[in-house]
Amino acid sequence: MKRYIPAIILACLSCAPLAVRAADATPAEKPAAPVKHGKFKWYTSLKSARKAAAEEKKPIIMLFTGSDWCPYCIKLEKEILSQKEFKAWAPDHAILFIADAKGGPDKLAPENKKLMKEYGGNGFPSVIVTDADGKTLGKTGYVGGTPEAYCKSLDGIIASK
């Protein structure tokens, strides 16, 4: 395992500059209603997600991803987010918000780039857990393992509030 750590660190660092490149993209349309991502719903409007989080008294899991080009984003989706264990856990524990940079980091909507920077996202994927008011509870990203272990890790972040 120790011999893989430098490779993992190098891979993470190689994605970091992509997260901070200047934006040439035009603002993307963002529906106010949740959208399907995998087989469960994600909000694409943080305002709507915050409203739902306040009403349901749940934290928000913010996912900044490059679902079609970022290797670790694809692994997170395949190994964790698309699995039945995560799908069963999420609706009872959090409101989900996604900011997807499909087509590359320059395709992330400007308001989502600002959010990612504001919350300290340092590459793709960035998973940031906040309360309904926007206070950061914790951060993570891709972590290899089981969906159960990932959910347990998120439970630990949520319990820290």
N, C-alpha and C. Protein backbone atom coordinates (compact mmCIF):
# COMPACT_ATOMS: atom_id res chain seq x y z
N MET A 1 0.83 -1.19 0.00
CA MET A 1 0.00 0.00 0.00
C MET A 1 0.87 1.25 0.00
N LYS A 2 1.98 1.21 0.74
CA LYS A 2 2.83 2.40 0.85
C LYS A 2 3.39 2.81 -0.50
N ARG A 3 3.61 1.84 -1.39
CA ARG A 3 4.19 2.20 -2.68
C ARG A 3 3.19 2.92 -3.58
N TYR A 4 1.91 2.84 -3.29
CA TYR A 4 0.88 3.52 -4.08
C TYR A 4 0.63 4.95 -3.62
N ILE A 5 1.03 5.27 -2.42
CA ILE A 5 0.75 6.60 -1.87
C ILE A 5 1.35 7.71 -2.73
N PRO A 6 2.62 7.63 -3.16
CA PRO A 6 3.15 8.70 -4.02
C PRO A 6 2.36 8.84 -5.32
N ALA A 7 1.91 7.74 -5.90
CA ALA A 7 1.14 7.80 -7.14
C ALA A 7 -0.20 8.47 -6.92
N ILE A 8 -0.82 8.16 -5.79
CA ILE A 8 -2.12 8.77 -5.47
C ILE A 8 -1.96 10.27 -5.26
N ILE A 9 -0.93 10.65 -4.51
CA ILE A 9 -0.67 12.07 -4.26
C ILE A 9 -0.39 12.80 -5.58
N LEU A 10 0.41 12.20 -6.45
CA LEU A 10 0.72 12.80 -7.73
C LEU A 10 -0.53 12.96 -8.59
N ALA A 11 -1.39 11.97 -8.58
CA ALA A 11 -2.63 12.05 -9.35
C ALA A 11 -3.52 13.17 -8.83
N CYS A 12 -3.62 13.29 -7.51
CA CYS A 12 -4.44 14.36 -6.92
C CYS A 12 -3.87 15.73 -7.26
N LEU A 13 -2.56 15.86 -7.15
CA LEU A 13 -1.94 17.15 -7.44
C LEU A 13 -2.04 17.52 -8.91
N SER A 14 -2.05 16.53 -9.79
CA SER A 14 -2.16 16.83 -11.21
C SER A 14 -3.54 17.34 -11.58
N CYS A 15 -4.56 17.01 -10.79
CA CYS A 15 -5.91 17.51 -11.05
C CYS A 15 -6.13 18.89 -10.44
N ALA A 16 -5.36 19.27 -9.42
CA ALA A 16 -5.57 20.53 -8.72
C ALA A 16 -5.48 21.75 -9.64
N PRO A 17 -4.49 21.84 -10.54
CA PRO A 17 -4.44 23.03 -11.39
C PRO A 17 -5.67 23.17 -12.28
N LEU A 18 -6.28 22.05 -12.62
CA LEU A 18 -7.47 22.10 -13.45
C LEU A 18 -8.61 22.81 -12.74
N ALA A 19 -8.62 22.73 -11.43
CA ALA A 19 -9.71 23.32 -10.66
C ALA A 19 -9.61 24.84 -10.57
N VAL A 20 -8.43 25.37 -10.80
CA VAL A 20 -8.25 26.81 -10.61
C VAL A 20 -8.01 27.58 -11.90
N ARG A 21 -8.12 26.89 -13.07
CA ARG A 21 -7.95 27.60 -14.33
C ARG A 21 -9.05 28.63 -14.53
N ALA A 22 -8.73 29.70 -15.22
CA ALA A 22 -9.71 30.77 -15.46
C ALA A 22 -10.86 30.26 -16.32
N ALA A 23 -12.03 30.83 -16.12
CA ALA A 23 -13.23 30.39 -16.83
C ALA A 23 -13.47 31.22 -18.08
N ASP A 24 -13.71 30.52 -19.19
CA ASP A 24 -14.15 31.18 -20.41
C ASP A 24 -15.58 30.78 -20.72
N ALA A 25 -16.12 29.89 -19.92
CA ALA A 25 -17.44 29.32 -20.19
C ALA A 25 -18.54 30.33 -19.90
N THR A 26 -19.59 30.21 -20.66
CA THR A 26 -20.77 31.02 -20.39
C THR A 26 -21.55 30.37 -19.28
N PRO A 27 -22.32 31.13 -18.52
CA PRO A 27 -23.09 30.55 -17.42
C PRO A 27 -24.02 29.44 -17.92
N ALA A 28 -23.99 28.33 -17.24
CA ALA A 28 -24.84 27.21 -17.60
C ALA A 28 -26.23 27.41 -17.01
N GLU A 29 -27.22 26.87 -17.72
CA GLU A 29 -28.57 26.91 -17.17
C GLU A 29 -28.61 25.99 -15.98
N LYS A 30 -29.33 26.40 -14.95
CA LYS A 30 -29.44 25.53 -13.79
C LYS A 30 -30.90 25.42 -13.38
N PRO A 31 -31.43 24.22 -13.50
CA PRO A 31 -32.82 24.05 -13.09
C PRO A 31 -32.94 24.16 -11.58
N ALA A 32 -34.07 24.68 -11.13
CA ALA A 32 -34.29 24.84 -9.71
C ALA A 32 -34.63 23.51 -9.05
N ALA A 33 -35.20 22.61 -9.83
CA ALA A 33 -35.61 21.32 -9.29
C ALA A 33 -34.43 20.36 -9.28
N PRO A 34 -34.50 19.32 -8.45
CA PRO A 34 -33.43 18.33 -8.44
C PRO A 34 -33.32 17.64 -9.79
N VAL A 35 -32.12 17.21 -10.12
CA VAL A 35 -31.90 16.43 -11.34
C VAL A 35 -31.45 15.05 -10.96
N LYS A 36 -31.65 14.11 -11.86
CA LYS A 36 -31.22 12.75 -11.58
C LYS A 36 -29.75 12.62 -11.92
N HIS A 37 -29.02 11.99 -11.06
CA HIS A 37 -27.61 11.70 -11.26
C HIS A 37 -27.45 10.28 -10.78
N GLY A 38 -27.20 9.37 -11.68
CA GLY A 38 -27.29 7.97 -11.29
C GLY A 38 -28.77 7.66 -11.14
N LYS A 39 -29.17 7.12 -10.01
CA LYS A 39 -30.58 6.80 -9.81
C LYS A 39 -31.18 7.54 -8.63
N PHE A 40 -30.56 8.60 -8.20
CA PHE A 40 -31.15 9.40 -7.14
C PHE A 40 -30.95 10.87 -7.45
N LYS A 41 -31.60 11.73 -6.72
CA LYS A 41 -31.68 13.14 -7.09
C LYS A 41 -30.58 13.99 -6.46
N TRP A 42 -30.10 14.92 -7.27
CA TRP A 42 -29.13 15.92 -6.84
C TRP A 42 -29.68 17.30 -7.22
N TYR A 43 -29.56 18.27 -6.34
CA TYR A 43 -29.91 19.65 -6.67
C TYR A 43 -28.76 20.26 -7.47
N THR A 44 -29.11 21.12 -8.42
CA THR A 44 -28.10 21.88 -9.16
C THR A 44 -28.15 23.35 -8.79
N SER A 45 -29.10 23.72 -7.97
CA SER A 45 -29.20 25.08 -7.45
C SER A 45 -28.93 25.02 -5.95
N LEU A 46 -27.88 25.70 -5.51
CA LEU A 46 -27.56 25.69 -4.09
C LEU A 46 -28.66 26.36 -3.27
N LYS A 47 -29.27 27.38 -3.85
CA LYS A 47 -30.37 28.05 -3.15
C LYS A 47 -31.50 27.06 -2.85
N SER A 48 -31.86 26.26 -3.82
CA SER A 48 -32.90 25.25 -3.63
C SER A 48 -32.46 24.17 -2.64
N ALA A 49 -31.20 23.78 -2.73
CA ALA A 49 -30.68 22.77 -1.81
C ALA A 49 -30.70 23.29 -0.37
N ARG A 50 -30.31 24.55 -0.18
CA ARG A 50 -30.33 25.13 1.17
C ARG A 50 -31.75 25.22 1.72
N LYS A 51 -32.69 25.56 0.85
CA LYS A 51 -34.09 25.63 1.29
C LYS A 51 -34.56 24.24 1.73
N ALA A 52 -34.27 23.23 0.94
CA ALA A 52 -34.66 21.85 1.29
C ALA A 52 -33.97 21.40 2.56
N ALA A 53 -32.69 21.74 2.71
CA ALA A 53 -31.93 21.35 3.91
C ALA A 53 -32.53 21.99 5.16
N ALA A 54 -32.94 23.25 5.06
CA ALA A 54 -33.54 23.93 6.20
C ALA A 54 -34.89 23.30 6.55
N GLU A 55 -35.69 23.01 5.53
CA GLU A 55 -37.00 22.40 5.77
C GLU A 55 -36.89 21.01 6.37
N GLU A 56 -35.91 20.22 5.86
CA GLU A 56 -35.77 18.83 6.30
C GLU A 56 -34.79 18.67 7.46
N LYS A 57 -34.17 19.79 7.87
CA LYS A 57 -33.19 19.77 8.96
C LYS A 57 -32.07 18.74 8.70
N LYS A 58 -31.47 18.88 7.50
CA LYS A 58 -30.39 17.99 7.08
C LYS A 58 -29.22 18.82 6.58
N PRO A 59 -28.03 18.25 6.62
CA PRO A 59 -26.88 18.93 6.03
C PRO A 59 -26.90 18.79 4.50
N ILE A 60 -26.02 19.51 3.86
CA ILE A 60 -25.89 19.44 2.39
C ILE A 60 -24.55 18.80 2.06
N ILE A 61 -24.59 17.84 1.16
CA ILE A 61 -23.36 17.28 0.60
C ILE A 61 -23.20 17.91 -0.77
N MET A 62 -22.15 18.72 -0.90
CA MET A 62 -21.85 19.41 -2.16
C MET A 62 -20.78 18.62 -2.90
N LEU A 63 -21.09 18.21 -4.12
CA LEU A 63 -20.15 17.46 -4.95
C LEU A 63 -19.73 18.30 -6.14
N PHE A 64 -18.44 18.61 -6.21
CA PHE A 64 -17.86 19.30 -7.36
C PHE A 64 -17.13 18.22 -8.15
N THR A 65 -17.61 17.93 -9.35
CA THR A 65 -17.13 16.78 -10.10
C THR A 65 -16.91 17.11 -11.57
N GLY A 66 -16.10 16.31 -12.19
CA GLY A 66 -15.91 16.32 -13.64
C GLY A 66 -16.28 14.92 -14.11
N SER A 67 -17.57 14.65 -14.16
CA SER A 67 -18.07 13.29 -14.32
C SER A 67 -17.68 12.61 -15.62
N ASP A 68 -17.26 13.36 -16.62
CA ASP A 68 -16.93 12.71 -17.89
C ASP A 68 -15.44 12.80 -18.27
N TRP A 69 -14.60 13.36 -17.40
CA TRP A 69 -13.19 13.47 -17.75
C TRP A 69 -12.25 13.23 -16.57
N CYS A 70 -12.70 13.36 -15.36
CA CYS A 70 -11.84 13.24 -14.18
C CYS A 70 -11.82 11.78 -13.70
N PRO A 71 -10.66 11.13 -13.72
CA PRO A 71 -10.60 9.72 -13.35
C PRO A 71 -11.12 9.42 -11.94
N TYR A 72 -10.77 10.26 -10.97
CA TYR A 72 -11.21 9.99 -9.60
C TYR A 72 -12.69 10.32 -9.40
N CYS A 73 -13.22 11.25 -10.20
CA CYS A 73 -14.66 11.53 -10.16
C CYS A 73 -15.43 10.32 -10.69
N ILE A 74 -14.92 9.76 -11.76
CA ILE A 74 -15.55 8.58 -12.36
C ILE A 74 -15.50 7.41 -11.38
N LYS A 75 -14.36 7.24 -10.71
CA LYS A 75 -14.24 6.17 -9.71
C LYS A 75 -15.19 6.39 -8.54
N LEU A 76 -15.31 7.64 -8.07
CA LEU A 76 -16.23 7.95 -6.97
C LEU A 76 -17.66 7.58 -7.37
N GLU A 77 -18.05 7.95 -8.58
CA GLU A 77 -19.39 7.62 -9.07
C GLU A 77 -19.59 6.11 -9.15
N LYS A 78 -18.63 5.44 -9.76
CA LYS A 78 -18.76 4.00 -9.99
C LYS A 78 -18.71 3.19 -8.70
N GLU A 79 -17.77 3.51 -7.82
CA GLU A 79 -17.54 2.70 -6.63
C GLU A 79 -18.42 3.08 -5.44
N ILE A 80 -18.88 4.34 -5.37
CA ILE A 80 -19.61 4.79 -4.19
C ILE A 80 -21.01 5.31 -4.54
N LEU A 81 -21.08 6.39 -5.31
CA LEU A 81 -22.33 7.12 -5.49
C LEU A 81 -23.41 6.33 -6.23
N SER A 82 -23.01 5.43 -7.10
CA SER A 82 -24.00 4.66 -7.86
C SER A 82 -24.42 3.37 -7.15
N GLN A 83 -23.81 3.10 -6.03
CA GLN A 83 -24.09 1.84 -5.32
C GLN A 83 -25.34 1.95 -4.45
N LYS A 84 -26.03 0.84 -4.33
CA LYS A 84 -27.30 0.82 -3.58
C LYS A 84 -27.12 1.23 -2.12
N GLU A 85 -25.98 0.95 -1.52
CA GLU A 85 -25.75 1.31 -0.12
C GLU A 85 -25.74 2.83 0.06
N PHE A 86 -25.07 3.52 -0.86
CA PHE A 86 -25.04 4.98 -0.78
C PHE A 86 -26.41 5.56 -1.08
N LYS A 87 -27.08 5.01 -2.10
CA LYS A 87 -28.40 5.49 -2.48
C LYS A 87 -29.42 5.30 -1.37
N ALA A 88 -29.25 4.24 -0.59
CA ALA A 88 -30.16 4.00 0.54
C ALA A 88 -29.83 4.95 1.70
N TRP A 89 -28.55 5.25 1.90
CA TRP A 89 -28.11 6.09 3.01
C TRP A 89 -28.47 7.57 2.78
N ALA A 90 -28.19 8.08 1.59
CA ALA A 90 -28.25 9.52 1.32
C ALA A 90 -29.60 10.19 1.61
N PRO A 91 -30.72 9.68 1.13
CA PRO A 91 -31.98 10.41 1.34
C PRO A 91 -32.33 10.65 2.81
N ASP A 92 -31.91 9.78 3.70
CA ASP A 92 -32.21 9.92 5.11
C ASP A 92 -31.22 10.81 5.86
N HIS A 93 -30.08 11.11 5.24
CA HIS A 93 -29.01 11.79 5.96
C HIS A 93 -28.62 13.17 5.44
N ALA A 94 -28.93 13.47 4.17
CA ALA A 94 -28.43 14.73 3.61
C ALA A 94 -29.21 15.14 2.38
N ILE A 95 -29.06 16.41 2.04
CA ILE A 95 -29.53 16.96 0.77
C ILE A 95 -28.30 16.97 -0.14
N LEU A 96 -28.47 16.55 -1.37
CA LEU A 96 -27.35 16.42 -2.30
C LEU A 96 -27.34 17.56 -3.32
N PHE A 97 -26.18 18.20 -3.48
CA PHE A 97 -25.98 19.27 -4.46
C PHE A 97 -24.82 18.88 -5.34
N ILE A 98 -24.99 19.02 -6.66
CA ILE A 98 -23.91 18.67 -7.59
C ILE A 98 -23.59 19.85 -8.49
N ALA A 99 -22.30 20.08 -8.69
CA ALA A 99 -21.79 21.05 -9.65
C ALA A 99 -20.87 20.27 -10.57
N ASP A 100 -21.36 19.95 -11.76
CA ASP A 100 -20.63 19.08 -12.67
C ASP A 100 -19.93 19.90 -13.76
N ALA A 101 -18.64 19.67 -13.89
CA ALA A 101 -17.83 20.33 -14.92
C ALA A 101 -17.69 19.39 -16.11
N LYS A 102 -18.83 18.97 -16.67
CA LYS A 102 -18.78 18.08 -17.84
C LYS A 102 -18.02 18.77 -18.95
N GLY A 103 -17.12 18.03 -19.57
CA GLY A 103 -16.34 18.59 -20.67
C GLY A 103 -15.07 19.27 -20.22
N GLY A 104 -14.79 19.29 -18.94
CA GLY A 104 -13.56 19.89 -18.44
C GLY A 104 -13.83 20.97 -17.41
N PRO A 105 -12.80 21.33 -16.64
CA PRO A 105 -12.99 22.30 -15.55
C PRO A 105 -13.46 23.66 -16.03
N ASP A 106 -13.15 24.04 -17.27
CA ASP A 106 -13.59 25.34 -17.77
C ASP A 106 -15.09 25.36 -18.06
N LYS A 107 -15.73 24.21 -17.98
CA LYS A 107 -17.17 24.13 -18.22
C LYS A 107 -17.98 24.26 -16.93
N LEU A 108 -17.31 24.32 -15.80
CA LEU A 108 -18.01 24.53 -14.53
C LEU A 108 -18.56 25.95 -14.52
N ALA A 109 -19.84 26.08 -14.25
CA ALA A 109 -20.48 27.39 -14.26
C ALA A 109 -19.74 28.34 -13.31
N PRO A 110 -19.63 29.61 -13.70
CA PRO A 110 -18.89 30.58 -12.88
C PRO A 110 -19.34 30.64 -11.42
N GLU A 111 -20.65 30.58 -11.19
CA GLU A 111 -21.12 30.63 -9.80
C GLU A 111 -20.67 29.40 -9.02
N ASN A 112 -20.56 28.26 -9.70
CA ASN A 112 -20.09 27.06 -9.02
C ASN A 112 -18.58 27.08 -8.81
N LYS A 113 -17.85 27.71 -9.73
CA LYS A 113 -16.41 27.90 -9.52
C LYS A 113 -16.18 28.75 -8.28
N LYS A 114 -16.99 29.79 -8.15
CA LYS A 114 -16.89 30.67 -6.98
C LYS A 114 -17.20 29.89 -5.70
N LEU A 115 -18.25 29.07 -5.74
CA LEU A 115 -18.60 28.25 -4.58
C LEU A 115 -17.47 27.29 -4.21
N MET A 116 -16.91 26.64 -5.22
CA MET A 116 -15.83 25.69 -4.97
C MET A 116 -14.65 26.38 -4.29
N LYS A 117 -14.31 27.56 -4.79
CA LYS A 117 -13.20 28.31 -4.20
C LYS A 117 -13.56 28.77 -2.78
N GLU A 118 -14.79 29.27 -2.61
CA GLU A 118 -15.25 29.77 -1.31
C GLU A 118 -15.20 28.68 -0.24
N TYR A 119 -15.54 27.45 -0.62
CA TYR A 119 -15.57 26.35 0.34
C TYR A 119 -14.26 25.56 0.39
N GLY A 120 -13.26 26.01 -0.35
CA GLY A 120 -11.95 25.38 -0.26
C GLY A 120 -11.80 24.09 -1.04
N GLY A 121 -12.62 23.92 -2.06
CA GLY A 121 -12.44 22.75 -2.93
C GLY A 121 -11.12 22.90 -3.65
N ASN A 122 -10.32 21.85 -3.64
CA ASN A 122 -8.98 21.97 -4.22
C ASN A 122 -8.74 20.97 -5.33
N GLY A 123 -9.71 20.75 -6.15
CA GLY A 123 -9.60 19.82 -7.26
C GLY A 123 -10.88 19.03 -7.40
N PHE A 124 -10.85 18.12 -8.33
CA PHE A 124 -12.02 17.30 -8.59
C PHE A 124 -11.71 15.85 -8.24
N PRO A 125 -12.56 15.14 -7.60
CA PRO A 125 -13.80 15.60 -7.00
C PRO A 125 -13.55 16.24 -5.63
N SER A 126 -14.35 17.22 -5.33
CA SER A 126 -14.37 17.82 -3.99
C SER A 126 -15.75 17.56 -3.41
N VAL A 127 -15.79 17.00 -2.23
CA VAL A 127 -17.04 16.74 -1.53
C VAL A 127 -16.99 17.56 -0.25
N ILE A 128 -17.91 18.52 -0.15
CA ILE A 128 -17.93 19.44 0.98
C ILE A 128 -19.28 19.32 1.67
N VAL A 129 -19.25 19.10 2.97
CA VAL A 129 -20.48 18.96 3.74
C VAL A 129 -20.70 20.26 4.51
N THR A 130 -21.91 20.83 4.35
CA THR A 130 -22.25 22.07 5.04
C THR A 130 -23.58 21.90 5.77
N ASP A 131 -23.85 22.83 6.66
CA ASP A 131 -25.21 22.87 7.23
C ASP A 131 -26.08 23.69 6.28
N ALA A 132 -27.35 23.83 6.61
CA ALA A 132 -28.29 24.53 5.73
C ALA A 132 -27.92 26.00 5.56
N ASP A 133 -27.20 26.58 6.52
CA ASP A 133 -26.79 27.98 6.44
C ASP A 133 -25.49 28.18 5.68
N GLY A 134 -24.83 27.09 5.29
CA GLY A 134 -23.60 27.19 4.53
C GLY A 134 -22.33 27.04 5.34
N LYS A 135 -22.44 26.76 6.64
CA LYS A 135 -21.24 26.56 7.46
C LYS A 135 -20.62 25.20 7.11
N THR A 136 -19.33 25.21 6.81
CA THR A 136 -18.63 23.97 6.46
C THR A 136 -18.49 23.06 7.66
N LEU A 137 -18.91 21.82 7.49
CA LEU A 137 -18.76 20.81 8.54
C LEU A 137 -17.54 19.94 8.28
N GLY A 138 -17.20 19.76 7.02
CA GLY A 138 -16.04 18.95 6.67
C GLY A 138 -15.92 18.76 5.18
N LYS A 139 -14.78 18.19 4.76
CA LYS A 139 -14.48 17.99 3.35
C LYS A 139 -13.90 16.60 3.13
N THR A 140 -14.12 16.09 1.95
CA THR A 140 -13.50 14.85 1.53
C THR A 140 -13.45 14.87 0.00
N GLY A 141 -13.22 13.76 -0.58
CA GLY A 141 -13.17 13.62 -2.03
C GLY A 141 -13.29 12.15 -2.35
N TYR A 142 -12.52 11.69 -3.31
CA TYR A 142 -12.51 10.26 -3.58
C TYR A 142 -11.65 9.56 -2.53
N VAL A 143 -12.23 8.55 -1.92
CA VAL A 143 -11.49 7.70 -1.00
C VAL A 143 -11.88 6.28 -1.37
N GLY A 144 -10.90 5.48 -1.74
CA GLY A 144 -11.19 4.10 -2.09
C GLY A 144 -11.77 3.35 -0.91
N GLY A 145 -12.56 2.36 -1.20
CA GLY A 145 -13.18 1.58 -0.15
C GLY A 145 -14.60 1.23 -0.51
N THR A 146 -15.36 0.89 0.48
CA THR A 146 -16.73 0.47 0.25
C THR A 146 -17.69 1.64 0.41
N PRO A 147 -18.88 1.52 -0.17
CA PRO A 147 -19.89 2.56 0.06
C PRO A 147 -20.23 2.70 1.54
N GLU A 148 -20.26 1.58 2.25
CA GLU A 148 -20.56 1.63 3.69
C GLU A 148 -19.51 2.46 4.43
N ALA A 149 -18.25 2.26 4.11
CA ALA A 149 -17.18 3.01 4.76
C ALA A 149 -17.27 4.50 4.42
N TYR A 150 -17.62 4.80 3.17
CA TYR A 150 -17.75 6.20 2.76
C TYR A 150 -18.90 6.87 3.51
N CYS A 151 -20.02 6.16 3.62
CA CYS A 151 -21.18 6.70 4.35
C CYS A 151 -20.83 6.90 5.83
N LYS A 152 -20.08 5.98 6.39
CA LYS A 152 -19.67 6.10 7.79
C LYS A 152 -18.77 7.33 7.96
N SER A 153 -17.90 7.57 6.99
CA SER A 153 -17.04 8.75 7.02
C SER A 153 -17.89 10.03 6.95
N LEU A 154 -18.88 10.04 6.07
CA LEU A 154 -19.78 11.20 5.98
C LEU A 154 -20.58 11.37 7.26
N ASP A 155 -21.01 10.26 7.88
CA ASP A 155 -21.69 10.34 9.17
C ASP A 155 -20.82 11.02 10.21
N GLY A 156 -19.52 10.71 10.19
CA GLY A 156 -18.59 11.34 11.12
C GLY A 156 -18.49 12.84 10.91
N ILE A 157 -18.46 13.25 9.65
CA ILE A 157 -18.42 14.69 9.33
C ILE A 157 -19.71 15.36 9.80
N ILE A 158 -20.84 14.74 9.50
CA ILE A 158 -22.14 15.30 9.87
C ILE A 158 -22.28 15.40 11.39
N ALA A 159 -21.80 14.39 12.10
CA ALA A 159 -21.91 14.38 13.56
C ALA A 159 -21.06 15.46 14.21
N SER A 160 -20.09 15.99 13.48
CA SER A 160 -19.19 17.00 14.04
C SER A 160 -19.87 18.36 14.26
N LYS A 161 -21.07 18.54 13.72
CA LYS A 161 -21.72 19.85 13.85
C LYS A 161 -22.23 20.07 15.20
